[in-house]
Amino acid sequence: MTATETQKKKRSETSAPKLRIKVRAYENKVLDASVKQIIDTAIRYDADISGPTPLPTSTKKYTVNRSTFVHKDAREQFEMRVHKRLIDILNPTPKVVEALTNLSLPSGVSVDVRMM
């Protein structure tokens, strides 16, 4: 590939706007339900969708002493898992953006929206 072809390819990739939505939740069932709701809303307005792409689950582990004063060897371990999904909406129209902002998702689901 020549230099001009790569520049044209980069321009064509960057010229098309894209909405990148990252959805995070502690429970995967609630996460999948909210992702389905987002996708159904985007499909209703004829948007091009790629995803949902599952991202790696991050795990935070906490170790705590069971007893406050004695038995220092007795410990409990707790972990929190954060499940993540990625959705790309290609060439979003204002109607799609408005519908996604008015969407009500269950509590415990955090949504990050970026325009790229």
C-alpha atoms as a PDB file:
ATOM      1  CA  MET A   1       0.000   0.000   0.000  1.00  0.00           C
ATOM      2  CA  THR A   2       1.358   3.430  -0.847  1.00  0.00           C
ATOM      3  CA  ALA A   3       1.381   6.419   1.462  1.00  0.00           C
ATOM      4  CA  THR A   4      -1.508   8.125  -0.334  1.00  0.00           C
ATOM      5  CA  GLU A   5      -3.711   5.041  -0.026  1.00  0.00           C
ATOM      6  CA  THR A   6      -3.108   4.852   3.715  1.00  0.00           C
ATOM      7  CA  GLN A   7      -3.902   8.563   4.099  1.00  0.00           C
ATOM      8  CA  LYS A   8      -7.155   8.113   2.172  1.00  0.00           C
ATOM      9  CA  LYS A   9      -8.046   5.133   4.312  1.00  0.00           C
ATOM     10  CA  LYS A  10      -7.377   7.105   7.506  1.00  0.00           C
ATOM     11  CA  ARG A  11      -9.468  10.013   6.264  1.00  0.00           C
ATOM     12  CA  SER A  12     -12.384   7.753   5.388  1.00  0.00           C
ATOM     13  CA  GLU A  13     -12.236   6.089   8.813  1.00  0.00           C
ATOM     14  CA  THR A  14     -12.077   9.367  10.714  1.00  0.00           C
ATOM     15  CA  SER A  15     -14.633  11.237   8.607  1.00  0.00           C
ATOM     16  CA  ALA A  16     -17.545   9.003   9.611  1.00  0.00           C
ATOM     17  CA  PRO A  17     -18.819   9.924  13.087  1.00  0.00           C
ATOM     18  CA  LYS A  18     -19.317   7.096  15.528  1.00  0.00           C
ATOM     19  CA  LEU A  19     -20.988   6.807  18.914  1.00  0.00           C
ATOM     20  CA  ARG A  20     -19.070   4.509  21.250  1.00  0.00           C
ATOM     21  CA  ILE A  21     -21.122   3.328  24.216  1.00  0.00           C
ATOM     22  CA  LYS A  22     -19.499   1.519  27.151  1.00  0.00           C
ATOM     23  CA  VAL A  23     -21.944  -0.123  29.531  1.00  0.00           C
ATOM     24  CA  ARG A  24     -20.860  -1.401  32.967  1.00  0.00           C
ATOM     25  CA  ALA A  25     -22.703  -3.254  35.716  1.00  0.00           C
ATOM     26  CA  TYR A  26     -22.101  -5.610  38.616  1.00  0.00           C
ATOM     27  CA  GLU A  27     -24.687  -8.153  37.433  1.00  0.00           C
ATOM     28  CA  ASN A  28     -24.428  -9.588  33.943  1.00  0.00           C
ATOM     29  CA  LYS A  29     -28.172 -10.250  33.551  1.00  0.00           C
ATOM     30  CA  VAL A  30     -29.056  -6.618  34.226  1.00  0.00           C
ATOM     31  CA  LEU A  31     -26.249  -5.569  31.901  1.00  0.00           C
ATOM     32  CA  ASP A  32     -27.459  -7.787  29.049  1.00  0.00           C
ATOM     33  CA  ALA A  33     -31.033  -6.531  29.458  1.00  0.00           C
ATOM     34  CA  SER A  34     -29.950  -2.889  29.285  1.00  0.00           C
ATOM     35  CA  VAL A  35     -27.678  -3.567  26.269  1.00  0.00           C
ATOM     36  CA  LYS A  36     -30.628  -5.211  24.506  1.00  0.00           C
ATOM     37  CA  GLN A  37     -32.733  -2.147  25.295  1.00  0.00           C
ATOM     38  CA  ILE A  38     -30.066   0.169  23.814  1.00  0.00           C
ATOM     39  CA  ILE A  39     -29.743  -1.957  20.671  1.00  0.00           C
ATOM     40  CA  ASP A  40     -33.513  -2.176  20.176  1.00  0.00           C
ATOM     41  CA  THR A  41     -33.774   1.611  20.437  1.00  0.00           C
ATOM     42  CA  ALA A  42     -30.983   2.112  17.894  1.00  0.00           C
ATOM     43  CA  ILE A  43     -32.485  -0.429  15.481  1.00  0.00           C
ATOM     44  CA  ARG A  44     -35.878   1.278  15.737  1.00  0.00           C
ATOM     45  CA  TYR A  45     -34.281   4.423  14.264  1.00  0.00           C
ATOM     46  CA  ASP A  46     -32.379   2.505  11.529  1.00  0.00           C
ATOM     47  CA  ALA A  47     -28.859   2.966  12.917  1.00  0.00           C
ATOM     48  CA  ASP A  48     -25.884   0.811  11.947  1.00  0.00           C
ATOM     49  CA  ILE A  49     -24.686  -1.117  14.996  1.00  0.00           C
ATOM     50  CA  SER A  50     -21.600  -3.141  15.729  1.00  0.00           C
ATOM     51  CA  GLY A  51     -21.638  -5.044  18.992  1.00  0.00           C
ATOM     52  CA  PRO A  52     -22.280  -5.705  21.794  1.00  0.00           C
ATOM     53  CA  THR A  53     -18.657  -6.667  22.270  1.00  0.00           C
ATOM     54  CA  PRO A  54     -17.916  -8.192  25.677  1.00  0.00           C
ATOM     55  CA  LEU A  55     -14.906  -6.589  27.339  1.00  0.00           C
ATOM     56  CA  PRO A  56     -12.872  -8.362  30.042  1.00  0.00           C
ATOM     57  CA  THR A  57     -14.504  -8.562  33.438  1.00  0.00           C
ATOM     58  CA  SER A  58     -12.508  -6.696  36.056  1.00  0.00           C
ATOM     59  CA  THR A  59     -12.352  -8.267  39.494  1.00  0.00           C
ATOM     60  CA  LYS A  60     -11.509  -6.397  42.701  1.00  0.00           C
ATOM     61  CA  LYS A  61     -10.648  -8.605  45.674  1.00  0.00           C
ATOM     62  CA  TYR A  62     -10.719  -7.492  49.305  1.00  0.00           C
ATOM     63  CA  THR A  63      -9.280  -9.463  52.227  1.00  0.00           C
ATOM     64  CA  VAL A  64     -10.621  -8.661  55.699  1.00  0.00           C
ATOM     65  CA  ASN A  65      -9.842 -10.008  59.164  1.00  0.00           C
ATOM     66  CA  ARG A  66     -12.797 -11.959  60.589  1.00  0.00           C
ATOM     67  CA  SER A  67     -11.995 -10.994  64.134  1.00  0.00           C
ATOM     68  CA  THR A  68     -11.187  -7.520  65.376  1.00  0.00           C
ATOM     69  CA  PHE A  69      -8.658  -8.394  68.082  1.00  0.00           C
ATOM     70  CA  VAL A  70      -7.522 -12.034  68.045  1.00  0.00           C
ATOM     71  CA  HIS A  71      -7.248 -14.822  65.432  1.00  0.00           C
ATOM     72  CA  LYS A  72      -5.298 -12.805  62.878  1.00  0.00           C
ATOM     73  CA  ASP A  73      -4.991 -15.855  60.616  1.00  0.00           C
ATOM     74  CA  ALA A  74      -8.762 -16.085  60.116  1.00  0.00           C
ATOM     75  CA  ARG A  75      -9.593 -13.946  57.104  1.00  0.00           C
ATOM     76  CA  GLU A  76     -12.463 -13.511  54.691  1.00  0.00           C
ATOM     77  CA  GLN A  77     -12.152 -12.637  51.026  1.00  0.00           C
ATOM     78  CA  PHE A  78     -14.721 -10.670  49.059  1.00  0.00           C
ATOM     79  CA  GLU A  79     -14.713  -9.783  45.393  1.00  0.00           C
ATOM     80  CA  MET A  80     -16.559  -7.381  43.150  1.00  0.00           C
ATOM     81  CA  ARG A  81     -16.896  -8.177  39.454  1.00  0.00           C
ATOM     82  CA  VAL A  82     -17.576  -5.436  36.945  1.00  0.00           C
ATOM     83  CA  HIS A  83     -18.970  -6.726  33.644  1.00  0.00           C
ATOM     84  CA  LYS A  84     -18.536  -4.499  30.582  1.00  0.00           C
ATOM     85  CA  ARG A  85     -19.934  -4.316  27.052  1.00  0.00           C
ATOM     86  CA  LEU A  86     -19.037  -2.092  24.105  1.00  0.00           C
ATOM     87  CA  ILE A  87     -21.498  -0.915  21.434  1.00  0.00           C
ATOM     88  CA  ASP A  88     -20.599   1.173  18.366  1.00  0.00           C
ATOM     89  CA  ILE A  89     -23.269   3.085  16.469  1.00  0.00           C
ATOM     90  CA  LEU A  90     -22.037   4.208  13.053  1.00  0.00           C
ATOM     91  CA  ASN A  91     -23.310   7.467  11.526  1.00  0.00           C
ATOM     92  CA  PRO A  92     -25.772   8.352  14.300  1.00  0.00           C
ATOM     93  CA  THR A  93     -28.628  10.666  13.401  1.00  0.00           C
ATOM     94  CA  PRO A  94     -29.928  13.284  15.858  1.00  0.00           C
ATOM     95  CA  LYS A  95     -33.058  11.160  16.363  1.00  0.00           C
ATOM     96  CA  VAL A  96     -30.935   8.208  17.521  1.00  0.00           C
ATOM     97  CA  VAL A  97     -28.946  10.377  19.921  1.00  0.00           C
ATOM     98  CA  GLU A  98     -32.111  11.902  21.365  1.00  0.00           C
ATOM     99  CA  ALA A  99     -33.756   8.503  21.799  1.00  0.00           C
ATOM    100  CA  LEU A 100     -30.675   7.138  23.572  1.00  0.00           C
ATOM    101  CA  THR A 101     -30.496  10.101  25.956  1.00  0.00           C
ATOM    102  CA  ASN A 102     -34.177   9.689  26.890  1.00  0.00           C
ATOM    103  CA  LEU A 103     -33.704   5.972  27.557  1.00  0.00           C
ATOM    104  CA  SER A 104     -34.250   4.931  31.179  1.00  0.00           C
ATOM    105  CA  LEU A 105     -31.943   2.117  32.277  1.00  0.00           C
ATOM    106  CA  PRO A 106     -32.070   0.164  35.544  1.00  0.00           C
ATOM    107  CA  SER A 107     -30.086   1.347  38.531  1.00  0.00           C
ATOM    108  CA  GLY A 108     -26.636  -0.143  38.882  1.00  0.00           C
ATOM    109  CA  VAL A 109     -25.860   0.258  35.176  1.00  0.00           C
ATOM    110  CA  SER A 110     -23.396   2.980  34.215  1.00  0.00           C
ATOM    111  CA  VAL A 111     -23.217   4.216  30.641  1.00  0.00           C
ATOM    112  CA  ASP A 112     -20.301   6.069  29.017  1.00  0.00           C
ATOM    113  CA  VAL A 113     -21.060   7.687  25.646  1.00  0.00           C
ATOM    114  CA  ARG A 114     -18.334   9.107  23.417  1.00  0.00           C
ATOM    115  CA  MET A 115     -18.495  10.686  19.989  1.00  0.00           C
ATOM    116  CA  MET A 116     -15.546   9.612  17.860  1.00  0.00           C
END
